[in-house]
Full PDB file with SEQRES, HELIX, SHEET, SSBOND, CRYST1, ORIGX, SCALE, CONECT and MASTER records, all heavy atoms in Angstrom:
SEQRES   1 A   34  PHE GLY LYS GLY ARG PHE THR ILE SER ARG ASP ASN ALA          
SEQRES   2 A   34  GLU ASN THR VAL TYR LEU GLN MET ASN ASN LEU LYS PRO          
SEQRES   3 A   34  GLU ASP THR ALA VAL TYR TYR CYS                              
HELIX    1 AA1 PRO A   26  ASP A   28  5                                   3    
SHEET    1 AA1 2 PHE A   6  ASP A  11  0                                        
SHEET    2 AA1 2 THR A  16  MET A  21 -1                                        
CRYST1    1.000    1.000    1.000  90.00  90.00  90.00 P 1           1          
ORIGX1      1.000000  0.000000  0.000000        0.00000                         
ORIGX2      0.000000  1.000000  0.000000        0.00000                         
ORIGX3      0.000000  0.000000  1.000000        0.00000                         
SCALE1      1.000000  0.000000  0.000000        0.00000                         
SCALE2      0.000000  1.000000  0.000000        0.00000                         
SCALE3      0.000000  0.000000  1.000000        0.00000                         
ATOM      1  N   PHE A   1      65.043 138.150  94.661  1.00  0.00           N  
ATOM      2  CA  PHE A   1      64.072 137.961  95.748  1.00  0.00           C  
ATOM      3  C   PHE A   1      63.674 136.431  95.828  1.00  0.00           C  
ATOM      4  O   PHE A   1      63.032 135.913  96.746  1.00  0.00           O  
ATOM      5  CB  PHE A   1      62.865 138.842  95.697  1.00  0.00           C  
ATOM      6  CG  PHE A   1      62.003 138.605  94.319  1.00  0.00           C  
ATOM      7  CD1 PHE A   1      61.187 137.568  94.130  1.00  0.00           C  
ATOM      8  CD2 PHE A   1      62.112 139.584  93.373  1.00  0.00           C  
ATOM      9  CE1 PHE A   1      60.520 137.503  93.078  1.00  0.00           C  
ATOM     10  CE2 PHE A   1      61.449 139.534  92.232  1.00  0.00           C  
ATOM     11  CZ  PHE A   1      60.575 138.497  91.928  1.00  0.00           C  
ATOM     12  N   GLY A   2      63.808 135.668  94.727  1.00  0.00           N  
ATOM     13  CA  GLY A   2      63.421 134.314  94.610  1.00  0.00           C  
ATOM     14  C   GLY A   2      64.545 133.269  94.916  1.00  0.00           C  
ATOM     15  O   GLY A   2      64.275 132.031  95.025  1.00  0.00           O  
ATOM     16  N   LYS A   3      65.825 133.787  94.863  1.00  0.00           N  
ATOM     17  CA  LYS A   3      67.089 132.820  94.928  1.00  0.00           C  
ATOM     18  C   LYS A   3      66.952 132.100  96.397  1.00  0.00           C  
ATOM     19  O   LYS A   3      66.828 132.868  97.354  1.00  0.00           O  
ATOM     20  CB  LYS A   3      68.231 133.604  94.766  1.00  0.00           C  
ATOM     21  CG  LYS A   3      68.452 133.990  93.341  1.00  0.00           C  
ATOM     22  CD  LYS A   3      69.633 134.901  93.153  1.00  0.00           C  
ATOM     23  CE  LYS A   3      69.928 135.277  91.751  1.00  0.00           C  
ATOM     24  NZ  LYS A   3      71.078 136.179  91.581  1.00  0.00           N  
ATOM     25  N   GLY A   4      66.974 130.877  96.266  1.00  0.00           N  
ATOM     26  CA  GLY A   4      66.946 130.078  97.562  1.00  0.00           C  
ATOM     27  C   GLY A   4      65.553 129.724  98.031  1.00  0.00           C  
ATOM     28  O   GLY A   4      65.388 129.044  99.018  1.00  0.00           O  
ATOM     29  N   ARG A   5      64.561 130.337  97.397  1.00  0.00           N  
ATOM     30  CA  ARG A   5      63.113 130.143  97.793  1.00  0.00           C  
ATOM     31  C   ARG A   5      62.376 129.616  96.667  1.00  0.00           C  
ATOM     32  O   ARG A   5      61.389 128.714  96.879  1.00  0.00           O  
ATOM     33  CB  ARG A   5      62.459 131.498  98.359  1.00  0.00           C  
ATOM     34  CG  ARG A   5      63.067 131.974  99.471  1.00  0.00           C  
ATOM     35  CD  ARG A   5      62.167 133.121 100.085  1.00  0.00           C  
ATOM     36  NE  ARG A   5      61.973 134.178  99.118  1.00  0.00           N  
ATOM     37  CZ  ARG A   5      60.801 134.733  98.941  1.00  0.00           C  
ATOM     38  NH1 ARG A   5      59.716 134.338  99.585  1.00  0.00           N  
ATOM     39  NH2 ARG A   5      60.601 135.752  98.052  1.00  0.00           N  
ATOM     40  N   PHE A   6      62.585 130.030  95.384  1.00  0.00           N  
ATOM     41  CA  PHE A   6      61.806 129.686  94.267  1.00  0.00           C  
ATOM     42  C   PHE A   6      62.573 128.681  93.319  1.00  0.00           C  
ATOM     43  O   PHE A   6      63.716 128.776  93.172  1.00  0.00           O  
ATOM     44  CB  PHE A   6      61.368 130.744  93.458  1.00  0.00           C  
ATOM     45  CG  PHE A   6      60.414 131.733  94.144  1.00  0.00           C  
ATOM     46  CD1 PHE A   6      60.144 133.000  93.589  1.00  0.00           C  
ATOM     47  CD2 PHE A   6      60.023 131.577  95.456  1.00  0.00           C  
ATOM     48  CE1 PHE A   6      59.398 133.993  94.255  1.00  0.00           C  
ATOM     49  CE2 PHE A   6      59.243 132.532  96.133  1.00  0.00           C  
ATOM     50  CZ  PHE A   6      58.830 133.709  95.512  1.00  0.00           C  
ATOM     51  N   THR A   7      61.849 127.694  92.682  1.00  0.00           N  
ATOM     52  CA  THR A   7      62.424 126.752  91.825  1.00  0.00           C  
ATOM     53  C   THR A   7      61.405 126.713  90.637  1.00  0.00           C  
ATOM     54  O   THR A   7      60.258 126.272  90.784  1.00  0.00           O  
ATOM     55  CB  THR A   7      62.707 125.468  92.470  1.00  0.00           C  
ATOM     56  OG1 THR A   7      63.499 125.597  93.658  1.00  0.00           O  
ATOM     57  CG2 THR A   7      63.355 124.451  91.588  1.00  0.00           C  
ATOM     58  N   ILE A   8      62.062 126.696  89.466  1.00  0.00           N  
ATOM     59  CA  ILE A   8      61.252 126.406  88.182  1.00  0.00           C  
ATOM     60  C   ILE A   8      61.645 125.057  87.744  1.00  0.00           C  
ATOM     61  O   ILE A   8      62.928 124.748  87.733  1.00  0.00           O  
ATOM     62  CB  ILE A   8      61.741 127.581  87.127  1.00  0.00           C  
ATOM     63  CG1 ILE A   8      61.209 128.861  87.538  1.00  0.00           C  
ATOM     64  CG2 ILE A   8      60.919 127.157  85.815  1.00  0.00           C  
ATOM     65  CD1 ILE A   8      61.726 129.988  86.691  1.00  0.00           C  
ATOM     66  N   SER A   9      60.635 124.368  87.254  1.00  0.00           N  
ATOM     67  CA  SER A   9      60.917 123.098  86.615  1.00  0.00           C  
ATOM     68  C   SER A   9      59.979 122.980  85.364  1.00  0.00           C  
ATOM     69  O   SER A   9      58.987 123.725  85.328  1.00  0.00           O  
ATOM     70  CB  SER A   9      60.686 121.897  87.589  1.00  0.00           C  
ATOM     71  OG  SER A   9      59.422 121.806  88.015  1.00  0.00           O  
ATOM     72  N   ARG A  10      60.205 121.959  84.521  1.00  0.00           N  
ATOM     73  CA  ARG A  10      59.265 121.685  83.408  1.00  0.00           C  
ATOM     74  C   ARG A  10      59.296 120.257  83.081  1.00  0.00           C  
ATOM     75  O   ARG A  10      60.274 119.520  83.305  1.00  0.00           O  
ATOM     76  CB  ARG A  10      59.774 122.482  82.174  1.00  0.00           C  
ATOM     77  CG  ARG A  10      61.181 122.116  81.694  1.00  0.00           C  
ATOM     78  CD  ARG A  10      61.642 123.257  80.576  1.00  0.00           C  
ATOM     79  NE  ARG A  10      60.874 123.293  79.426  1.00  0.00           N  
ATOM     80  CZ  ARG A  10      60.921 124.254  78.584  1.00  0.00           C  
ATOM     81  NH1 ARG A  10      61.815 125.316  78.836  1.00  0.00           N  
ATOM     82  NH2 ARG A  10      59.982 124.299  77.527  1.00  0.00           N  
ATOM     83  N   ASP A  11      58.161 119.859  82.517  1.00  0.00           N  
ATOM     84  CA  ASP A  11      57.884 118.509  82.165  1.00  0.00           C  
ATOM     85  C   ASP A  11      57.431 118.629  80.680  1.00  0.00           C  
ATOM     86  O   ASP A  11      56.232 118.855  80.332  1.00  0.00           O  
ATOM     87  CB  ASP A  11      56.821 117.836  82.983  1.00  0.00           C  
ATOM     88  CG  ASP A  11      56.689 116.365  82.670  1.00  0.00           C  
ATOM     89  OD1 ASP A  11      57.059 115.949  81.584  1.00  0.00           O  
ATOM     90  OD2 ASP A  11      56.195 115.558  83.507  1.00  0.00           O  
ATOM     91  N   ASN A  12      58.325 118.432  79.825  1.00  0.00           N  
ATOM     92  CA  ASN A  12      58.048 118.624  78.300  1.00  0.00           C  
ATOM     93  C   ASN A  12      57.086 117.654  77.786  1.00  0.00           C  
ATOM     94  O   ASN A  12      56.327 117.882  76.966  1.00  0.00           O  
ATOM     95  CB  ASN A  12      59.364 118.443  77.457  1.00  0.00           C  
ATOM     96  CG  ASN A  12      60.268 119.724  77.632  1.00  0.00           C  
ATOM     97  OD1 ASN A  12      59.820 120.791  78.047  1.00  0.00           O  
ATOM     98  ND2 ASN A  12      61.453 119.425  77.274  1.00  0.00           N  
ATOM     99  N   ALA A  13      57.002 116.222  78.460  1.00  0.00           N  
ATOM    100  CA  ALA A  13      56.187 115.425  78.006  1.00  0.00           C  
ATOM    101  C   ALA A  13      54.700 115.772  78.307  1.00  0.00           C  
ATOM    102  O   ALA A  13      53.723 115.350  77.731  1.00  0.00           O  
ATOM    103  CB  ALA A  13      56.486 113.939  78.588  1.00  0.00           C  
ATOM    104  N   GLU A  14      54.462 116.670  79.375  1.00  0.00           N  
ATOM    105  CA  GLU A  14      53.203 117.000  79.814  1.00  0.00           C  
ATOM    106  C   GLU A  14      52.811 118.448  79.437  1.00  0.00           C  
ATOM    107  O   GLU A  14      51.995 118.901  79.757  1.00  0.00           O  
ATOM    108  CB  GLU A  14      53.134 116.950  81.365  1.00  0.00           C  
ATOM    109  CG  GLU A  14      53.112 115.435  81.831  1.00  0.00           C  
ATOM    110  CD  GLU A  14      52.026 114.516  81.382  1.00  0.00           C  
ATOM    111  OE1 GLU A  14      50.866 115.162  81.105  1.00  0.00           O  
ATOM    112  OE2 GLU A  14      52.250 113.381  81.208  1.00  0.00           O  
ATOM    113  N   ASN A  15      53.749 119.050  78.700  1.00  0.00           N  
ATOM    114  CA  ASN A  15      53.628 120.499  78.164  1.00  0.00           C  
ATOM    115  C   ASN A  15      53.411 121.382  79.406  1.00  0.00           C  
ATOM    116  O   ASN A  15      52.450 122.221  79.319  1.00  0.00           O  
ATOM    117  CB  ASN A  15      52.584 120.615  77.222  1.00  0.00           C  
ATOM    118  CG  ASN A  15      53.014 120.040  75.767  1.00  0.00           C  
ATOM    119  OD1 ASN A  15      54.061 119.448  75.549  1.00  0.00           O  
ATOM    120  ND2 ASN A  15      52.173 120.394  74.866  1.00  0.00           N  
ATOM    121  N   THR A  16      54.112 121.253  80.464  1.00  0.00           N  
ATOM    122  CA  THR A  16      53.822 121.935  81.674  1.00  0.00           C  
ATOM    123  C   THR A  16      55.028 122.448  82.294  1.00  0.00           C  
ATOM    124  O   THR A  16      56.130 121.886  82.339  1.00  0.00           O  
ATOM    125  CB  THR A  16      53.048 121.080  82.706  1.00  0.00           C  
ATOM    126  OG1 THR A  16      51.743 120.587  82.211  1.00  0.00           O  
ATOM    127  CG2 THR A  16      52.702 121.978  83.891  1.00  0.00           C  
ATOM    128  N   VAL A  17      55.076 123.774  82.848  1.00  0.00           N  
ATOM    129  CA  VAL A  17      56.190 124.335  83.575  1.00  0.00           C  
ATOM    130  C   VAL A  17      55.553 124.734  84.879  1.00  0.00           C  
ATOM    131  O   VAL A  17      54.346 125.022  85.056  1.00  0.00           O  
ATOM    132  CB  VAL A  17      56.769 125.602  82.835  1.00  0.00           C  
ATOM    133  CG1 VAL A  17      55.780 126.633  82.874  1.00  0.00           C  
ATOM    134  CG2 VAL A  17      57.946 125.989  83.506  1.00  0.00           C  
ATOM    135  N   TYR A  18      56.414 124.489  85.925  1.00  0.00           N  
ATOM    136  CA  TYR A  18      56.117 124.811  87.363  1.00  0.00           C  
ATOM    137  C   TYR A  18      56.868 125.795  88.034  1.00  0.00           C  
ATOM    138  O   TYR A  18      58.074 126.156  87.698  1.00  0.00           O  
ATOM    139  CB  TYR A  18      56.168 123.573  88.123  1.00  0.00           C  
ATOM    140  CG  TYR A  18      55.460 122.336  87.627  1.00  0.00           C  
ATOM    141  CD1 TYR A  18      56.026 121.391  86.682  1.00  0.00           C  
ATOM    142  CD2 TYR A  18      54.153 122.113  87.906  1.00  0.00           C  
ATOM    143  CE1 TYR A  18      55.409 120.297  86.171  1.00  0.00           C  
ATOM    144  CE2 TYR A  18      53.510 120.964  87.421  1.00  0.00           C  
ATOM    145  CZ  TYR A  18      54.064 120.061  86.477  1.00  0.00           C  
ATOM    146  OH  TYR A  18      53.443 118.998  85.991  1.00  0.00           O  
ATOM    147  N   LEU A  19      56.207 126.542  89.030  1.00  0.00           N  
ATOM    148  CA  LEU A  19      56.986 127.351  89.853  1.00  0.00           C  
ATOM    149  C   LEU A  19      56.722 127.043  91.269  1.00  0.00           C  
ATOM    150  O   LEU A  19      55.622 127.163  91.735  1.00  0.00           O  
ATOM    151  CB  LEU A  19      56.600 128.796  89.504  1.00  0.00           C  
ATOM    152  CG  LEU A  19      57.221 129.848  90.607  1.00  0.00           C  
ATOM    153  CD1 LEU A  19      58.745 130.002  90.367  1.00  0.00           C  
ATOM    154  CD2 LEU A  19      56.516 131.265  90.218  1.00  0.00           C  
ATOM    155  N   GLN A  20      57.696 126.458  91.952  1.00  0.00           N  
ATOM    156  CA  GLN A  20      57.619 126.158  93.321  1.00  0.00           C  
ATOM    157  C   GLN A  20      58.210 127.236  94.226  1.00  0.00           C  
ATOM    158  O   GLN A  20      59.201 127.748  93.992  1.00  0.00           O  
ATOM    159  CB  GLN A  20      58.511 124.819  93.693  1.00  0.00           C  
ATOM    160  CG  GLN A  20      58.400 124.357  95.092  1.00  0.00           C  
ATOM    161  CD  GLN A  20      57.030 123.834  95.522  1.00  0.00           C  
ATOM    162  OE1 GLN A  20      56.432 123.093  94.806  1.00  0.00           O  
ATOM    163  NE2 GLN A  20      56.713 124.184  96.772  1.00  0.00           N  
ATOM    164  N   MET A  21      57.222 127.678  95.161  1.00  0.00           N  
ATOM    165  CA  MET A  21      57.671 128.934  95.959  1.00  0.00           C  
ATOM    166  C   MET A  21      57.451 128.465  97.433  1.00  0.00           C  
ATOM    167  O   MET A  21      56.453 128.067  97.929  1.00  0.00           O  
ATOM    168  CB  MET A  21      56.733 129.996  95.707  1.00  0.00           C  
ATOM    169  CG  MET A  21      56.840 130.606  94.216  1.00  0.00           C  
ATOM    170  SD  MET A  21      55.997 132.180  94.026  1.00  0.00           S  
ATOM    171  CE  MET A  21      54.249 131.783  94.161  1.00  0.00           C  
ATOM    172  N   ASN A  22      58.603 128.602  98.096  1.00  0.00           N  
ATOM    173  CA  ASN A  22      58.707 128.236  99.529  1.00  0.00           C  
ATOM    174  C   ASN A  22      59.039 129.337 100.378  1.00  0.00           C  
ATOM    175  O   ASN A  22      59.482 130.435  99.837  1.00  0.00           O  
ATOM    176  CB  ASN A  22      59.785 127.183  99.711  1.00  0.00           C  
ATOM    177  CG  ASN A  22      59.644 125.943  99.031  1.00  0.00           C  
ATOM    178  OD1 ASN A  22      58.507 125.412  98.710  1.00  0.00           O  
ATOM    179  ND2 ASN A  22      60.663 125.244  98.580  1.00  0.00           N  
ATOM    180  N   ASN A  23      58.777 129.222 101.584  1.00  0.00           N  
ATOM    181  CA  ASN A  23      58.957 130.291 102.606  1.00  0.00           C  
ATOM    182  C   ASN A  23      58.390 131.721 102.105  1.00  0.00           C  
ATOM    183  O   ASN A  23      59.141 132.740 101.991  1.00  0.00           O  
ATOM    184  CB  ASN A  23      60.463 130.442 102.954  1.00  0.00           C  
ATOM    185  CG  ASN A  23      60.789 131.309 104.044  1.00  0.00           C  
ATOM    186  OD1 ASN A  23      60.037 131.580 105.025  1.00  0.00           O  
ATOM    187  ND2 ASN A  23      62.020 131.980 103.996  1.00  0.00           N  
ATOM    188  N   LEU A  24      57.081 131.664 101.817  1.00  0.00           N  
ATOM    189  CA  LEU A  24      56.488 132.761 101.298  1.00  0.00           C  
ATOM    190  C   LEU A  24      56.371 133.993 102.220  1.00  0.00           C  
ATOM    191  O   LEU A  24      56.345 133.776 103.537  1.00  0.00           O  
ATOM    192  CB  LEU A  24      55.095 132.492 100.764  1.00  0.00           C  
ATOM    193  CG  LEU A  24      55.109 131.601  99.364  1.00  0.00           C  
ATOM    194  CD1 LEU A  24      53.802 130.932  99.188  1.00  0.00           C  
ATOM    195  CD2 LEU A  24      55.457 132.516  98.217  1.00  0.00           C  
ATOM    196  N   LYS A  25      56.384 135.134 101.797  1.00  0.00           N  
ATOM    197  CA  LYS A  25      56.323 136.402 102.423  1.00  0.00           C  
ATOM    198  C   LYS A  25      55.159 137.405 101.979  1.00  0.00           C  
ATOM    199  O   LYS A  25      54.682 137.111 100.796  1.00  0.00           O  
ATOM    200  CB  LYS A  25      57.580 137.170 102.344  1.00  0.00           C  
ATOM    201  CG  LYS A  25      58.866 136.471 102.683  1.00  0.00           C  
ATOM    202  CD  LYS A  25      60.203 137.164 102.305  1.00  0.00           C  
ATOM    203  CE  LYS A  25      61.348 136.416 102.547  1.00  0.00           C  
ATOM    204  NZ  LYS A  25      62.599 137.152 102.182  1.00  0.00           N  
ATOM    205  N   PRO A  26      54.645 138.067 102.808  1.00  0.00           N  
ATOM    206  CA  PRO A  26      53.447 138.936 102.303  1.00  0.00           C  
ATOM    207  C   PRO A  26      53.798 139.795 101.139  1.00  0.00           C  
ATOM    208  O   PRO A  26      52.949 140.007 100.286  1.00  0.00           O  
ATOM    209  CB  PRO A  26      53.184 139.873 103.529  1.00  0.00           C  
ATOM    210  CG  PRO A  26      53.659 138.991 104.776  1.00  0.00           C  
ATOM    211  CD  PRO A  26      54.721 138.185 104.193  1.00  0.00           C  
ATOM    212  N   GLU A  27      55.009 140.140 100.994  1.00  0.00           N  
ATOM    213  CA  GLU A  27      55.421 140.835  99.738  1.00  0.00           C  
ATOM    214  C   GLU A  27      55.503 140.121  98.402  1.00  0.00           C  
ATOM    215  O   GLU A  27      55.642 140.602  97.452  1.00  0.00           O  
ATOM    216  CB  GLU A  27      56.790 141.477  99.930  1.00  0.00           C  
ATOM    217  CG  GLU A  27      57.905 140.691 100.415  1.00  0.00           C  
ATOM    218  CD  GLU A  27      58.094 140.726 101.900  1.00  0.00           C  
ATOM    219  OE1 GLU A  27      57.116 140.704 102.674  1.00  0.00           O  
ATOM    220  OE2 GLU A  27      59.356 140.717 102.411  1.00  0.00           O  
ATOM    221  N   ASP A  28      55.251 138.758  98.644  1.00  0.00           N  
ATOM    222  CA  ASP A  28      55.070 137.859  97.387  1.00  0.00           C  
ATOM    223  C   ASP A  28      53.671 137.888  96.952  1.00  0.00           C  
ATOM    224  O   ASP A  28      53.449 137.329  95.848  1.00  0.00           O  
ATOM    225  CB  ASP A  28      55.586 136.453  97.876  1.00  0.00           C  
ATOM    226  CG  ASP A  28      56.939 136.268  98.230  1.00  0.00           C  
ATOM    227  OD1 ASP A  28      57.820 136.851  97.445  1.00  0.00           O  
ATOM    228  OD2 ASP A  28      57.289 135.532  99.077  1.00  0.00           O  
ATOM    229  N   THR A  29      52.726 138.588  97.600  1.00  0.00           N  
ATOM    230  CA  THR A  29      51.387 138.672  97.112  1.00  0.00           C  
ATOM    231  C   THR A  29      51.439 139.399  95.749  1.00  0.00           C  
ATOM    232  O   THR A  29      51.885 140.566  95.679  1.00  0.00           O  
ATOM    233  CB  THR A  29      50.512 139.531  98.113  1.00  0.00           C  
ATOM    234  OG1 THR A  29      50.456 138.731  99.296  1.00  0.00           O  
ATOM    235  CG2 THR A  29      49.189 139.634  97.551  1.00  0.00           C  
ATOM    236  N   ALA A  30      50.843 138.780  94.729  1.00  0.00           N  
ATOM    237  CA  ALA A  30      50.810 139.228  93.434  1.00  0.00           C  
ATOM    238  C   ALA A  30      50.016 138.288  92.434  1.00  0.00           C  
ATOM    239  O   ALA A  30      49.674 137.205  92.784  1.00  0.00           O  
ATOM    240  CB  ALA A  30      52.288 139.337  92.935  1.00  0.00           C  
ATOM    241  N   VAL A  31      49.745 138.821  91.260  1.00  0.00           N  
ATOM    242  CA  VAL A  31      49.198 137.808  90.251  1.00  0.00           C  
ATOM    243  C   VAL A  31      50.430 137.305  89.499  1.00  0.00           C  
ATOM    244  O   VAL A  31      51.401 138.140  89.100  1.00  0.00           O  
ATOM    245  CB  VAL A  31      48.355 138.597  89.242  1.00  0.00           C  
ATOM    246  CG1 VAL A  31      47.924 137.694  87.997  1.00  0.00           C  
ATOM    247  CG2 VAL A  31      47.082 139.177  89.961  1.00  0.00           C  
ATOM    248  N   TYR A  32      50.651 136.091  89.406  1.00  0.00           N  
ATOM    249  CA  TYR A  32      51.741 135.423  88.733  1.00  0.00           C  
ATOM    250  C   TYR A  32      51.393 135.010  87.307  1.00  0.00           C  
ATOM    251  O   TYR A  32      50.323 134.403  87.092  1.00  0.00           O  
ATOM    252  CB  TYR A  32      52.180 134.238  89.444  1.00  0.00           C  
ATOM    253  CG  TYR A  32      52.883 134.587  90.785  1.00  0.00           C  
ATOM    254  CD1 TYR A  32      52.261 135.179  91.910  1.00  0.00           C  
ATOM    255  CD2 TYR A  32      54.317 134.550  90.884  1.00  0.00           C  
ATOM    256  CE1 TYR A  32      52.992 135.601  92.979  1.00  0.00           C  
ATOM    257  CE2 TYR A  32      54.977 134.960  92.054  1.00  0.00           C  
ATOM    258  CZ  TYR A  32      54.354 135.593  93.105  1.00  0.00           C  
ATOM    259  OH  TYR A  32      54.940 135.923  94.185  1.00  0.00           O  
ATOM    260  N   TYR A  33      52.181 135.350  86.442  1.00  0.00           N  
ATOM    261  CA  TYR A  33      51.930 134.979  85.008  1.00  0.00           C  
ATOM    262  C   TYR A  33      53.061 134.119  84.388  1.00  0.00           C  
ATOM    263  O   TYR A  33      54.214 134.232  84.745  1.00  0.00           O  
ATOM    264  CB  TYR A  33      52.039 136.412  84.213  1.00  0.00           C  
ATOM    265  CG  TYR A  33      50.961 137.381  84.518  1.00  0.00           C  
ATOM    266  CD1 TYR A  33      51.217 138.333  85.500  1.00  0.00           C  
ATOM    267  CD2 TYR A  33      49.783 137.371  83.933  1.00  0.00           C  
ATOM    268  CE1 TYR A  33      50.250 139.329  85.909  1.00  0.00           C  
ATOM    269  CE2 TYR A  33      48.821 138.361  84.149  1.00  0.00           C  
ATOM    270  CZ  TYR A  33      49.039 139.216  85.242  1.00  0.00           C  
ATOM    271  OH  TYR A  33      48.106 140.175  85.556  1.00  0.00           O  
ATOM    272  N   CYS A  34      52.656 133.245  83.476  1.00  0.00           N  
ATOM    273  CA  CYS A  34      53.490 132.345  82.738  1.00  0.00           C  
ATOM    274  C   CYS A  34      53.539 132.937  81.357  1.00  0.00           C  
ATOM    275  O   CYS A  34      52.645 133.462  80.784  1.00  0.00           O  
ATOM    276  CB  CYS A  34      52.847 130.966  82.719  1.00  0.00           C  
ATOM    277  SG  CYS A  34      53.749 129.760  81.607  1.00  0.00           S  
TER     278      CYS A  34                                                      
MASTER        0    0    0    1    2    0    0    6  277    1    0    3          
END                                                                             
């Protein structure tokens, strides 16, 4: 469901991981956990 819409990236220097979500749909409504 995320292929082509979602992208994970990380910045080790900042101790941070990201989740970019594009073209969101109502069915994406959820609590998101790392």
